[in-house]
C-alpha atoms as a PDB file:
ATOM      1  CA  MET A   1     -11.431 -55.990 -44.150  1.00  0.00           C
ATOM      2  CA  LYS A   2     -13.041 -52.778 -43.912  1.00  0.00           C
ATOM      3  CA  LYS A   3     -13.887 -53.878 -39.927  1.00  0.00           C
ATOM      4  CA  ASN A   4     -10.482 -55.016 -39.847  1.00  0.00           C
ATOM      5  CA  ILE A   5      -9.702 -51.170 -40.691  1.00  0.00           C
ATOM      6  CA  PHE A   6     -11.877 -50.119 -38.029  1.00  0.00           C
ATOM      7  CA  PHE A   7     -10.653 -52.184 -35.776  1.00  0.00           C
ATOM      8  CA  ILE A   8      -7.078 -51.356 -35.921  1.00  0.00           C
ATOM      9  CA  CYS A   9      -7.949 -47.226 -35.898  1.00  0.00           C
ATOM     10  CA  SER A  10      -9.992 -48.069 -32.929  1.00  0.00           C
ATOM     11  CA  ALA A  11      -7.124 -49.874 -31.034  1.00  0.00           C
ATOM     12  CA  ILE A  12      -4.638 -47.213 -32.006  1.00  0.00           C
ATOM     13  CA  PHE A  13      -7.129 -44.304 -30.392  1.00  0.00           C
ATOM     14  CA  LEU A  14      -7.565 -46.541 -27.308  1.00  0.00           C
ATOM     15  CA  ILE A  15      -3.551 -46.709 -27.166  1.00  0.00           C
ATOM     16  CA  PHE A  16      -2.720 -43.145 -27.761  1.00  0.00           C
ATOM     17  CA  LEU A  17      -6.039 -42.180 -25.377  1.00  0.00           C
ATOM     18  CA  LEU A  18      -4.655 -44.447 -22.686  1.00  0.00           C
ATOM     19  CA  TYR A  19      -0.802 -43.108 -23.452  1.00  0.00           C
ATOM     20  CA  ALA A  20      -2.246 -39.302 -23.169  1.00  0.00           C
ATOM     21  CA  ALA A  21      -3.806 -40.559 -20.180  1.00  0.00           C
ATOM     22  CA  ALA A  22      -1.038 -41.654 -18.424  1.00  0.00           C
ATOM     23  CA  GLU A  23       1.264 -38.550 -19.544  1.00  0.00           C
ATOM     24  CA  LEU A  24      -1.607 -36.258 -18.418  1.00  0.00           C
ATOM     25  CA  PHE A  25      -2.732 -37.844 -14.807  1.00  0.00           C
ATOM     26  CA  LEU A  26       1.053 -39.649 -13.690  1.00  0.00           C
ATOM     27  CA  PRO A  27       3.211 -37.635 -12.345  1.00  0.00           C
ATOM     28  CA  VAL A  28       6.872 -37.549 -13.840  1.00  0.00           C
ATOM     29  CA  GLN A  29       8.577 -37.602 -10.375  1.00  0.00           C
ATOM     30  CA  ASN A  30       7.429 -39.300  -7.565  1.00  0.00           C
ATOM     31  CA  THR A  31       8.915 -36.795  -4.812  1.00  0.00           C
ATOM     32  CA  SER A  32       7.152 -33.678  -3.537  1.00  0.00           C
ATOM     33  CA  ARG A  33       9.598 -30.830  -3.534  1.00  0.00           C
ATOM     34  CA  GLN A  34       8.173 -27.460  -4.071  1.00  0.00           C
ATOM     35  CA  LEU A  35       9.241 -25.712  -6.979  1.00  0.00           C
ATOM     36  CA  GLU A  36       9.061 -21.954  -8.302  1.00  0.00           C
ATOM     37  CA  ILE A  37       9.166 -21.902 -11.972  1.00  0.00           C
ATOM     38  CA  GLU A  38       9.097 -18.577 -13.257  1.00  0.00           C
ATOM     39  CA  ILE A  39       8.064 -17.615 -17.122  1.00  0.00           C
ATOM     40  CA  PRO A  40       9.526 -14.574 -17.866  1.00  0.00           C
ATOM     41  CA  LYS A  41       7.771 -11.720 -19.232  1.00  0.00           C
ATOM     42  CA  GLY A  42       6.973 -12.045 -23.186  1.00  0.00           C
ATOM     43  CA  THR A  43       7.278 -15.949 -23.104  1.00  0.00           C
ATOM     44  CA  THR A  44       5.349 -17.997 -25.515  1.00  0.00           C
ATOM     45  CA  PHE A  45       3.628 -21.025 -24.599  1.00  0.00           C
ATOM     46  CA  ARG A  46       5.349 -23.301 -26.404  1.00  0.00           C
ATOM     47  CA  GLN A  47       8.598 -21.901 -24.570  1.00  0.00           C
ATOM     48  CA  ALA A  48       6.699 -22.381 -21.525  1.00  0.00           C
ATOM     49  CA  VAL A  49       6.534 -25.667 -21.672  1.00  0.00           C
ATOM     50  CA  GLY A  50      10.239 -25.655 -22.673  1.00  0.00           C
ATOM     51  CA  ILE A  51      10.983 -24.811 -19.373  1.00  0.00           C
ATOM     52  CA  LEU A  52       8.220 -27.165 -17.588  1.00  0.00           C
ATOM     53  CA  HIS A  53       9.941 -30.146 -19.328  1.00  0.00           C
ATOM     54  CA  LYS A  54      13.177 -28.855 -18.781  1.00  0.00           C
ATOM     55  CA  GLU A  55      12.889 -28.892 -14.562  1.00  0.00           C
ATOM     56  CA  LYS A  56      10.828 -33.086 -15.453  1.00  0.00           C
ATOM     57  CA  LEU A  57       7.564 -31.865 -14.397  1.00  0.00           C
ATOM     58  CA  ILE A  58       6.027 -32.828 -17.498  1.00  0.00           C
ATOM     59  CA  ARG A  59       7.246 -35.875 -20.734  1.00  0.00           C
ATOM     60  CA  ASP A  60       5.711 -35.627 -23.711  1.00  0.00           C
ATOM     61  CA  THR A  61       5.733 -31.829 -24.858  1.00  0.00           C
ATOM     62  CA  ARG A  62       3.327 -32.769 -27.814  1.00  0.00           C
ATOM     63  CA  ILE A  63       0.592 -34.581 -25.765  1.00  0.00           C
ATOM     64  CA  PHE A  64       0.846 -31.457 -23.310  1.00  0.00           C
ATOM     65  CA  LEU A  65       0.394 -29.634 -26.377  1.00  0.00           C
ATOM     66  CA  LEU A  66      -2.264 -31.035 -27.716  1.00  0.00           C
ATOM     67  CA  ALA A  67      -4.299 -30.990 -23.795  1.00  0.00           C
ATOM     68  CA  ALA A  68      -3.760 -27.343 -24.310  1.00  0.00           C
ATOM     69  CA  ARG A  69      -4.681 -26.369 -27.080  1.00  0.00           C
ATOM     70  CA  LEU A  70      -8.245 -28.607 -26.847  1.00  0.00           C
ATOM     71  CA  SER A  71      -8.636 -26.055 -23.286  1.00  0.00           C
ATOM     72  CA  GLY A  72      -6.953 -23.026 -24.987  1.00  0.00           C
ATOM     73  CA  THR A  73      -4.468 -22.904 -22.263  1.00  0.00           C
ATOM     74  CA  ASP A  74      -2.038 -22.508 -25.321  1.00  0.00           C
ATOM     75  CA  ARG A  75      -3.165 -18.647 -25.747  1.00  0.00           C
ATOM     76  CA  LYS A  76      -2.579 -17.195 -22.538  1.00  0.00           C
ATOM     77  CA  ILE A  77      -0.447 -18.146 -20.258  1.00  0.00           C
ATOM     78  CA  ARG A  78       0.680 -15.437 -17.203  1.00  0.00           C
ATOM     79  CA  ALA A  79       4.154 -14.663 -16.854  1.00  0.00           C
ATOM     80  CA  GLY A  80       5.407 -15.039 -13.209  1.00  0.00           C
ATOM     81  CA  PHE A  81       6.449 -17.347 -10.610  1.00  0.00           C
ATOM     82  CA  TYR A  82       4.307 -20.268  -9.762  1.00  0.00           C
ATOM     83  CA  SER A  83       4.693 -22.553  -6.389  1.00  0.00           C
ATOM     84  CA  LEU A  84       4.694 -26.563  -8.075  1.00  0.00           C
ATOM     85  CA  TRP A  85       5.325 -29.360  -6.293  1.00  0.00           C
ATOM     86  CA  SER A  86       7.839 -32.238  -8.031  1.00  0.00           C
ATOM     87  CA  GLY A  87       5.074 -34.561  -7.552  1.00  0.00           C
ATOM     88  CA  MET A  88       2.089 -32.762  -9.491  1.00  0.00           C
ATOM     89  CA  SER A  89       0.900 -34.361 -12.457  1.00  0.00           C
ATOM     90  CA  PRO A  90       1.065 -32.535 -15.586  1.00  0.00           C
ATOM     91  CA  PHE A  91      -2.862 -31.885 -15.982  1.00  0.00           C
ATOM     92  CA  LYS A  92      -2.819 -30.388 -12.674  1.00  0.00           C
ATOM     93  CA  ILE A  93      -0.032 -28.091 -13.896  1.00  0.00           C
ATOM     94  CA  LEU A  94      -1.414 -27.069 -16.546  1.00  0.00           C
ATOM     95  CA  LYS A  95      -4.775 -26.008 -14.779  1.00  0.00           C
ATOM     96  CA  TYR A  96      -2.333 -23.950 -12.571  1.00  0.00           C
ATOM     97  CA  LEU A  97      -1.620 -22.032 -15.777  1.00  0.00           C
ATOM     98  CA  LEU A  98      -4.887 -21.956 -17.098  1.00  0.00           C
ATOM     99  CA  LYS A  99      -5.927 -19.880 -13.756  1.00  0.00           C
ATOM    100  CA  GLY A 100      -2.791 -18.080 -13.755  1.00  0.00           C
ATOM    101  CA  LYS A 101      -1.986 -19.114 -10.403  1.00  0.00           C
ATOM    102  CA  ILE A 102       1.418 -17.244  -9.478  1.00  0.00           C
ATOM    103  CA  ILE A 103       3.086 -16.418  -6.210  1.00  0.00           C
ATOM    104  CA  GLU A 104       1.317 -13.035  -5.137  1.00  0.00           C
ATOM    105  CA  TYR A 105       2.390 -10.786  -2.122  1.00  0.00           C
ATOM    106  CA  GLN A 106       0.165  -8.370  -0.813  1.00  0.00           C
ATOM    107  CA  ILE A 107       1.301  -4.919   0.624  1.00  0.00           C
ATOM    108  CA  ARG A 108      -1.509  -3.071   2.668  1.00  0.00           C
ATOM    109  CA  VAL A 109      -1.010   0.688   3.665  1.00  0.00           C
ATOM    110  CA  LEU A 110      -2.810   2.030   5.995  1.00  0.00           C
ATOM    111  CA  GLU A 111      -4.297   5.331   6.454  1.00  0.00           C
ATOM    112  CA  GLY A 112      -1.559   7.617   8.251  1.00  0.00           C
ATOM    113  CA  ASP A 113       1.322   5.394   6.713  1.00  0.00           C
ATOM    114  CA  SER A 114       4.748   7.122   6.053  1.00  0.00           C
ATOM    115  CA  LEU A 115       7.270   5.453   3.939  1.00  0.00           C
ATOM    116  CA  PRO A 116       9.203   4.058   6.705  1.00  0.00           C
ATOM    117  CA  GLU A 117       6.311   1.817   7.219  1.00  0.00           C
ATOM    118  CA  ILE A 118       5.798   1.177   3.707  1.00  0.00           C
ATOM    119  CA  ALA A 119       9.247   0.295   2.916  1.00  0.00           C
ATOM    120  CA  ASP A 120       9.598  -2.697   5.864  1.00  0.00           C
ATOM    121  CA  ALA A 121       5.594  -3.781   4.062  1.00  0.00           C
ATOM    122  CA  PHE A 122       7.629  -3.968   0.549  1.00  0.00           C
ATOM    123  CA  ALA A 123      10.639  -5.856   2.290  1.00  0.00           C
ATOM    124  CA  ARG A 124       8.758  -8.237   3.886  1.00  0.00           C
ATOM    125  CA  THR A 125       7.823  -9.968   0.439  1.00  0.00           C
ATOM    126  CA  GLY A 126      10.807  -9.366  -0.482  1.00  0.00           C
ATOM    127  CA  ILE A 127       9.808  -7.134  -3.771  1.00  0.00           C
ATOM    128  CA  MET A 128      12.810  -4.161  -2.615  1.00  0.00           C
ATOM    129  CA  SER A 129      14.664  -3.685   0.276  1.00  0.00           C
ATOM    130  CA  VAL A 130      14.208  -1.316   2.699  1.00  0.00           C
ATOM    131  CA  GLU A 131      16.842   0.590   1.558  1.00  0.00           C
ATOM    132  CA  GLU A 132      16.231   0.110  -1.968  1.00  0.00           C
ATOM    133  CA  PHE A 133      12.927   1.763  -1.229  1.00  0.00           C
ATOM    134  CA  LEU A 134      13.576   5.068   0.541  1.00  0.00           C
ATOM    135  CA  GLU A 135      16.380   5.990  -2.153  1.00  0.00           C
ATOM    136  CA  LEU A 136      13.540   4.938  -4.851  1.00  0.00           C
ATOM    137  CA  ALA A 137      11.140   7.232  -3.365  1.00  0.00           C
ATOM    138  CA  LYS A 138      13.161  10.156  -3.701  1.00  0.00           C
ATOM    139  CA  ASP A 139      14.375   9.453  -7.177  1.00  0.00           C
ATOM    140  CA  ARG A 140      14.121  12.878  -9.133  1.00  0.00           C
ATOM    141  CA  ASP A 141      13.105  11.201 -12.600  1.00  0.00           C
ATOM    142  CA  LEU A 142      10.693   9.221 -10.266  1.00  0.00           C
ATOM    143  CA  LEU A 143       9.096  12.738  -9.293  1.00  0.00           C
ATOM    144  CA  GLU A 144       9.524  14.189 -13.145  1.00  0.00           C
ATOM    145  CA  TYR A 145       7.581  11.275 -14.538  1.00  0.00           C
ATOM    146  CA  HIS A 146       4.648  10.849 -11.638  1.00  0.00           C
ATOM    147  CA  GLY A 147       4.474  15.210 -11.901  1.00  0.00           C
ATOM    148  CA  ILE A 148       5.329  15.798  -8.133  1.00  0.00           C
ATOM    149  CA  SER A 149       6.500  18.492  -6.808  1.00  0.00           C
ATOM    150  CA  ALA A 150       7.411  17.264  -3.088  1.00  0.00           C
ATOM    151  CA  PRO A 151      10.910  15.877  -2.055  1.00  0.00           C
ATOM    152  CA  SER A 152       9.426  11.882  -2.533  1.00  0.00           C
ATOM    153  CA  VAL A 153       6.394  10.858  -3.468  1.00  0.00           C
ATOM    154  CA  GLU A 154       5.218  10.560   0.860  1.00  0.00           C
ATOM    155  CA  GLY A 155       1.601  10.854   0.402  1.00  0.00           C
ATOM    156  CA  TYR A 156       1.088   9.938  -2.997  1.00  0.00           C
ATOM    157  CA  ILE A 157       1.074   6.693  -2.158  1.00  0.00           C
ATOM    158  CA  PHE A 158      -2.950   5.812  -1.623  1.00  0.00           C
ATOM    159  CA  PRO A 159      -3.604   3.684   1.252  1.00  0.00           C
ATOM    160  CA  ASP A 160      -5.112   0.080  -0.133  1.00  0.00           C
ATOM    161  CA  THR A 161      -4.292  -3.136   0.037  1.00  0.00           C
ATOM    162  CA  TYR A 162      -1.941  -3.627  -3.040  1.00  0.00           C
ATOM    163  CA  THR A 163      -1.686  -7.256  -4.759  1.00  0.00           C
ATOM    164  CA  PHE A 164       1.811  -7.618  -6.101  1.00  0.00           C
ATOM    165  CA  PRO A 165       3.313 -10.805  -8.328  1.00  0.00           C
ATOM    166  CA  LYS A 166       6.678 -12.154  -7.204  1.00  0.00           C
ATOM    167  CA  GLY A 167       9.217 -10.897  -9.043  1.00  0.00           C
ATOM    168  CA  MET A 168       7.863  -7.543 -10.533  1.00  0.00           C
ATOM    169  CA  ASP A 169       9.564  -4.721 -11.119  1.00  0.00           C
ATOM    170  CA  ALA A 170      10.302  -2.078  -7.859  1.00  0.00           C
ATOM    171  CA  GLU A 171       8.931   0.892  -9.976  1.00  0.00           C
ATOM    172  CA  ASP A 172       6.424  -0.891 -11.402  1.00  0.00           C
ATOM    173  CA  ALA A 173       5.115  -1.389  -7.892  1.00  0.00           C
ATOM    174  CA  LEU A 174       5.708   1.944  -6.945  1.00  0.00           C
ATOM    175  CA  ASP A 175       4.040   3.289  -9.676  1.00  0.00           C
ATOM    176  CA  THR A 176       0.840   1.447  -9.216  1.00  0.00           C
ATOM    177  CA  MET A 177       0.583   3.159  -5.629  1.00  0.00           C
ATOM    178  CA  ILE A 178       1.022   6.528  -7.538  1.00  0.00           C
ATOM    179  CA  PHE A 179      -1.511   5.970  -9.883  1.00  0.00           C
ATOM    180  CA  ARG A 180      -3.990   4.813  -7.148  1.00  0.00           C
ATOM    181  CA  MET A 181      -3.860   7.911  -5.724  1.00  0.00           C
ATOM    182  CA  ARG A 182      -4.361  10.159  -9.000  1.00  0.00           C
ATOM    183  CA  GLU A 183      -7.509   7.170  -9.606  1.00  0.00           C
ATOM    184  CA  LYS A 184      -8.602   8.893  -5.970  1.00  0.00           C
ATOM    185  CA  TYR A 185      -7.646  12.549  -6.772  1.00  0.00           C
ATOM    186  CA  THR A 186     -10.821  13.386  -8.892  1.00  0.00           C
ATOM    187  CA  ASP A 187     -11.263  16.163 -11.246  1.00  0.00           C
ATOM    188  CA  THR A 188     -13.616  17.322  -8.753  1.00  0.00           C
ATOM    189  CA  PHE A 189     -10.950  17.733  -5.786  1.00  0.00           C
ATOM    190  CA  ILE A 190      -8.587  19.337  -8.818  1.00  0.00           C
ATOM    191  CA  SER A 191     -11.201  22.426  -9.345  1.00  0.00           C
ATOM    192  CA  ARG A 192     -12.231  22.650  -5.440  1.00  0.00           C
ATOM    193  CA  ALA A 193      -8.405  23.133  -4.868  1.00  0.00           C
ATOM    194  CA  GLN A 194      -7.962  25.658  -7.274  1.00  0.00           C
ATOM    195  CA  GLU A 195     -11.223  27.574  -5.307  1.00  0.00           C
ATOM    196  CA  LEU A 196      -8.915  27.413  -2.222  1.00  0.00           C
ATOM    197  CA  GLY A 197      -5.999  28.589  -4.206  1.00  0.00           C
ATOM    198  CA  MET A 198      -4.036  25.197  -3.411  1.00  0.00           C
ATOM    199  CA  ASN A 199      -1.864  23.304  -5.515  1.00  0.00           C
ATOM    200  CA  GLU A 200      -1.875  18.956  -5.409  1.00  0.00           C
ATOM    201  CA  ASN A 201       0.976  19.022  -3.176  1.00  0.00           C
ATOM    202  CA  GLN A 202      -0.046  21.462  -0.480  1.00  0.00           C
ATOM    203  CA  VAL A 203      -3.511  19.848  -0.245  1.00  0.00           C
ATOM    204  CA  LEU A 204      -2.282  16.383   0.501  1.00  0.00           C
ATOM    205  CA  THR A 205       0.292  17.725   2.408  1.00  0.00           C
ATOM    206  CA  LEU A 206      -2.390  19.363   4.967  1.00  0.00           C
ATOM    207  CA  ALA A 207      -4.311  16.119   4.464  1.00  0.00           C
ATOM    208  CA  SER A 208      -1.640  14.440   5.798  1.00  0.00           C
ATOM    209  CA  ILE A 209      -1.259  16.239   8.257  1.00  0.00           C
ATOM    210  CA  ILE A 210      -4.892  15.813   9.270  1.00  0.00           C
ATOM    211  CA  GLU A 211      -4.849  11.957   9.228  1.00  0.00           C
ATOM    212  CA  LYS A 212      -2.096  12.159  11.585  1.00  0.00           C
ATOM    213  CA  GLU A 213      -4.087  14.551  13.953  1.00  0.00           C
ATOM    214  CA  ALA A 214      -7.549  13.806  13.944  1.00  0.00           C
ATOM    215  CA  VAL A 215      -9.085  10.073  15.381  1.00  0.00           C
ATOM    216  CA  ILE A 216     -12.580  11.026  15.380  1.00  0.00           C
ATOM    217  CA  ASP A 217     -14.096  11.295  11.864  1.00  0.00           C
ATOM    218  CA  ALA A 218     -16.553  13.918  12.728  1.00  0.00           C
ATOM    219  CA  GLU A 219     -13.380  16.207  13.566  1.00  0.00           C
ATOM    220  CA  ARG A 220     -11.423  15.759   9.987  1.00  0.00           C
ATOM    221  CA  SER A 221     -13.097  19.357   9.308  1.00  0.00           C
ATOM    222  CA  THR A 222     -12.801  21.150  11.799  1.00  0.00           C
ATOM    223  CA  ILE A 223      -9.144  20.442  12.415  1.00  0.00           C
ATOM    224  CA  SER A 224      -8.834  21.184   8.623  1.00  0.00           C
ATOM    225  CA  ALA A 225     -10.375  24.636   9.483  1.00  0.00           C
ATOM    226  CA  VAL A 226      -8.149  25.361  12.443  1.00  0.00           C
ATOM    227  CA  TYR A 227      -5.087  24.878   9.638  1.00  0.00           C
ATOM    228  CA  HIS A 228      -7.239  27.321   6.871  1.00  0.00           C
ATOM    229  CA  ASN A 229      -7.854  29.865   9.891  1.00  0.00           C
ATOM    230  CA  ARG A 230      -3.814  29.688  10.512  1.00  0.00           C
ATOM    231  CA  LEU A 231      -2.613  29.907   7.204  1.00  0.00           C
ATOM    232  CA  LYS A 232      -4.701  32.991   6.168  1.00  0.00           C
ATOM    233  CA  LYS A 233      -3.532  34.695   9.566  1.00  0.00           C
ATOM    234  CA  HIS A 234       0.185  33.942   8.118  1.00  0.00           C
ATOM    235  CA  MET A 235       0.468  32.087  11.932  1.00  0.00           C
ATOM    236  CA  MET A 236       2.737  29.280  12.647  1.00  0.00           C
ATOM    237  CA  LEU A 237       0.581  25.642  11.936  1.00  0.00           C
ATOM    238  CA  GLN A 238       2.265  23.961  14.863  1.00  0.00           C
ATOM    239  CA  ALA A 239       1.501  21.070  13.930  1.00  0.00           C
ATOM    240  CA  ASP A 240       2.820  18.485  16.211  1.00  0.00           C
ATOM    241  CA  PRO A 241       3.759  15.450  13.975  1.00  0.00           C
ATOM    242  CA  THR A 242       5.227  17.273  11.637  1.00  0.00           C
ATOM    243  CA  SER A 243       8.535  18.458  14.670  1.00  0.00           C
ATOM    244  CA  ILE A 244       9.641  14.353  14.419  1.00  0.00           C
ATOM    245  CA  TYR A 245       8.921  13.587  10.540  1.00  0.00           C
ATOM    246  CA  GLY A 246      12.194  12.383   9.524  1.00  0.00           C
ATOM    247  CA  VAL A 247      13.228  12.504  12.747  1.00  0.00           C
ATOM    248  CA  LYS A 248      11.874   9.758  14.498  1.00  0.00           C
ATOM    249  CA  SER A 249       9.240   7.837  14.460  1.00  0.00           C
ATOM    250  CA  SER A 250       5.922   8.703  14.713  1.00  0.00           C
ATOM    251  CA  LYS A 251       4.529   5.872  17.650  1.00  0.00           C
ATOM    252  CA  GLU A 252       7.275   7.741  19.550  1.00  0.00           C
ATOM    253  CA  LYS A 253       6.318  10.372  22.348  1.00  0.00           C
ATOM    254  CA  ILE A 254       6.684  14.054  20.843  1.00  0.00           C
ATOM    255  CA  THR A 255       8.866  15.712  23.222  1.00  0.00           C
ATOM    256  CA  LEU A 256       9.838  19.510  23.845  1.00  0.00           C
ATOM    257  CA  ASN A 257      13.114  19.075  22.348  1.00  0.00           C
ATOM    258  CA  ASP A 258      11.370  17.341  19.334  1.00  0.00           C
ATOM    259  CA  LEU A 259       8.395  20.746  19.051  1.00  0.00           C
ATOM    260  CA  LYS A 260      12.296  23.207  19.113  1.00  0.00           C
ATOM    261  CA  ARG A 261      14.587  21.149  16.359  1.00  0.00           C
ATOM    262  CA  LYS A 262      14.977  23.203  13.447  1.00  0.00           C
ATOM    263  CA  THR A 263      13.672  20.911  10.133  1.00  0.00           C
ATOM    264  CA  PRO A 264      12.207  21.877   6.585  1.00  0.00           C
ATOM    265  CA  TYR A 265       9.063  20.075   8.148  1.00  0.00           C
ATOM    266  CA  ASN A 266       8.621  21.051  11.850  1.00  0.00           C
ATOM    267  CA  THR A 267       5.520  23.665  11.669  1.00  0.00           C
ATOM    268  CA  TYR A 268       7.448  25.367  14.806  1.00  0.00           C
ATOM    269  CA  ARG A 269      10.105  26.359  12.850  1.00  0.00           C
ATOM    270  CA  ILE A 270       8.831  27.014   9.674  1.00  0.00           C
ATOM    271  CA  LYS A 271       6.176  29.101   8.263  1.00  0.00           C
ATOM    272  CA  GLY A 272       3.107  27.517   6.142  1.00  0.00           C
ATOM    273  CA  LEU A 273       2.903  24.132   4.922  1.00  0.00           C
ATOM    274  CA  PRO A 274       5.797  21.746   5.150  1.00  0.00           C
ATOM    275  CA  PRO A 275       7.568  21.015   1.297  1.00  0.00           C
ATOM    276  CA  GLY A 276       5.184  17.918   1.235  1.00  0.00           C
ATOM    277  CA  PRO A 277       3.635  15.100   3.018  1.00  0.00           C
ATOM    278  CA  ILE A 278       4.546  13.743   6.152  1.00  0.00           C
ATOM    279  CA  ALA A 279       2.427  10.339   5.839  1.00  0.00           C
ATOM    280  CA  SER A 280      -0.343   9.043   3.382  1.00  0.00           C
ATOM    281  CA  PRO A 281      -3.892  10.924   3.849  1.00  0.00           C
ATOM    282  CA  GLY A 282      -7.089   8.527   3.380  1.00  0.00           C
ATOM    283  CA  LEU A 283      -9.651   9.557   1.273  1.00  0.00           C
ATOM    284  CA  LYS A 284     -11.793  11.378   4.243  1.00  0.00           C
ATOM    285  CA  SER A 285      -8.501  13.670   5.165  1.00  0.00           C
ATOM    286  CA  ILE A 286      -8.064  14.641   1.920  1.00  0.00           C
ATOM    287  CA  ILE A 287     -12.185  15.673   1.565  1.00  0.00           C
ATOM    288  CA  ALA A 288     -11.191  17.680   4.957  1.00  0.00           C
ATOM    289  CA  ALA A 289      -8.896  19.578   3.407  1.00  0.00           C
ATOM    290  CA  LEU A 290     -10.519  20.547   1.041  1.00  0.00           C
ATOM    291  CA  TYR A 291     -13.681  21.168   2.421  1.00  0.00           C
ATOM    292  CA  PRO A 292     -13.142  22.885   6.205  1.00  0.00           C
ATOM    293  CA  GLU A 293     -16.118  23.693   8.332  1.00  0.00           C
ATOM    294  CA  ASN A 294     -16.912  27.043   8.411  1.00  0.00           C
ATOM    295  CA  VAL A 295     -15.763  27.424  12.155  1.00  0.00           C
ATOM    296  CA  PRO A 296     -13.095  30.141  13.618  1.00  0.00           C
ATOM    297  CA  TYR A 297     -11.251  27.728  15.403  1.00  0.00           C
ATOM    298  CA  LEU A 298      -7.334  28.764  15.668  1.00  0.00           C
ATOM    299  CA  TYR A 299      -6.377  25.938  18.175  1.00  0.00           C
ATOM    300  CA  PHE A 300      -7.541  22.512  19.723  1.00  0.00           C
ATOM    301  CA  VAL A 301      -5.689  20.091  22.471  1.00  0.00           C
ATOM    302  CA  ALA A 302      -6.444  16.547  22.489  1.00  0.00           C
ATOM    303  CA  GLN A 303      -8.111  14.960  25.520  1.00  0.00           C
ATOM    304  CA  ASP A 304      -7.672  11.711  26.717  1.00  0.00           C
ATOM    305  CA  ASP A 305     -10.546   9.776  24.633  1.00  0.00           C
ATOM    306  CA  ARG A 306      -8.010  11.568  21.198  1.00  0.00           C
ATOM    307  CA  SER A 307     -11.104  14.068  20.655  1.00  0.00           C
ATOM    308  CA  HIS A 308     -10.165  17.376  21.021  1.00  0.00           C
ATOM    309  CA  ARG A 309     -11.154  20.650  22.308  1.00  0.00           C
ATOM    310  CA  PHE A 310     -11.261  23.587  20.328  1.00  0.00           C
ATOM    311  CA  ALA A 311     -11.061  27.349  20.753  1.00  0.00           C
ATOM    312  CA  GLU A 312     -10.777  30.273  18.772  1.00  0.00           C
ATOM    313  CA  SER A 313      -8.837  32.625  20.802  1.00  0.00           C
ATOM    314  CA  GLU A 314      -5.123  31.794  23.223  1.00  0.00           C
ATOM    315  CA  THR A 315      -6.914  32.589  26.574  1.00  0.00           C
ATOM    316  CA  GLU A 316      -9.227  29.839  25.675  1.00  0.00           C
ATOM    317  CA  HIS A 317      -6.957  27.357  24.287  1.00  0.00           C
ATOM    318  CA  ALA A 318      -5.030  28.521  27.498  1.00  0.00           C
ATOM    319  CA  GLU A 319      -7.720  27.683  29.606  1.00  0.00           C
ATOM    320  CA  ASN A 320      -8.997  24.207  27.735  1.00  0.00           C
ATOM    321  CA  VAL A 321      -5.178  23.071  28.136  1.00  0.00           C
ATOM    322  CA  ARG A 322      -5.717  23.760  31.848  1.00  0.00           C
ATOM    323  CA  LEU A 323      -8.055  21.851  32.095  1.00  0.00           C
ATOM    324  CA  TYR A 324      -6.960  18.916  30.864  1.00  0.00           C
ATOM    325  CA  ARG A 325      -3.967  18.944  32.400  1.00  0.00           C
ATOM    326  CA  ALA A 326      -6.004  18.894  35.757  1.00  0.00           C
ATOM    327  CA  LYS A 327      -8.111  16.398  34.675  1.00  0.00           C
ATOM    328  CA  LYS A 328      -5.142  14.300  33.859  1.00  0.00           C
ATOM    329  CA  GLN A 329      -3.899  15.103  37.200  1.00  0.00           C
ATOM    330  CA  GLU A 330      -6.707  13.581  39.270  1.00  0.00           C
ATOM    331  CA  MET A 331      -6.706  11.109  37.175  1.00  0.00           C
ATOM    332  CA  LYS A 332      -3.526  10.078  38.059  1.00  0.00           C
ATOM    333  CA  HIS A 333      -4.353  10.285  41.691  1.00  0.00           C
ATOM    334  CA  THR A 334      -7.686   8.234  41.158  1.00  0.00           C
ATOM    335  CA  PRO A 335      -7.289   4.743  42.162  1.00  0.00           C
ATOM    336  CA  VAL A 336      -8.822   1.844  40.185  1.00  0.00           C
ATOM    337  CA  GLU A 337     -10.655  -0.504  41.276  1.00  0.00           C
ATOM    338  CA  GLY A 338      -8.981  -3.661  41.677  1.00  0.00           C
ATOM    339  CA  ASN A 339      -5.875  -2.498  40.265  1.00  0.00           C
ATOM    340  CA  ASN A 340      -3.146   0.340  41.523  1.00  0.00           C
ATOM    341  CA  ALA A 341      -1.747   1.544  38.435  1.00  0.00           C
ATOM    342  CA  SER A 342      -3.461   4.402  36.845  1.00  0.00           C
ATOM    343  CA  PRO A 343      -5.750   5.015  33.886  1.00  0.00           C
ATOM    344  CA  SER A 344      -2.861   7.335  32.560  1.00  0.00           C
ATOM    345  CA  SER A 345      -0.163   4.771  32.279  1.00  0.00           C
END
């Protein structure tokens, strides 16, 4: 009698194992369509299983829940969009849930990027459109929440690579980028800015100009010194990149008309710093803005190798400009072996 009960129980257990294996390892559908399944925020694991069952990705919810409980998956469900296939086995889907393999997008912000470039990066992911980003970037409530005393979040987005899940709230994504800048802008920086008589907005604004002007790292603190010296002497900064901010792309050539254009940011027309940054400065430019080199320079002119010649007086600067133009003219008329084009073309 006991043997019969044992064999019956063993048979039932074996049948259950075979059934469970079939439920977990055999796909519900024979097709192979890609599906995007959203698990909303606040969804319990049981509710998530209900979503999968409704999409015909699992058959027996009880077996799936049991397997999830044994693996510990039922205690950690990550909200977001999951990229699944209709031909996946429930067991493979369970592994996806266990790893939290949701659809994510990367947004890379480079040193010197301005809001239009960052807006394009967001638009490519679908998190928000260019128009939505640019509008949110100037939202007064957002600026007040983050204590930003500039016209927009320009310059307060730290250059970095960010990973955002599909479906993430646009404002949450922007918050993350601003918080990253605040993490990098340490208490040491705050103390140093106070020593210089500058606030955060002024430091980031100056750093953004340095970011746009400097190419060679070793020159950042020297360029910073030029602007600090001009500020002390109440001279106009005359920083070329500020003349086209909000007018045209920084990749376009700056013309004489640009320098004459009257805008709130054009430091050829206004004294002191602009009302806010003109780009996202990197850490090197922020440090340069806070720790200028101890030099008396007031002028600099770019060279073909993108380095600069610095000068203390206007006369010396005029000579540097003359030398630069003479060299450009000389190079223009110097033939290049195997190519009739000039090096500057």
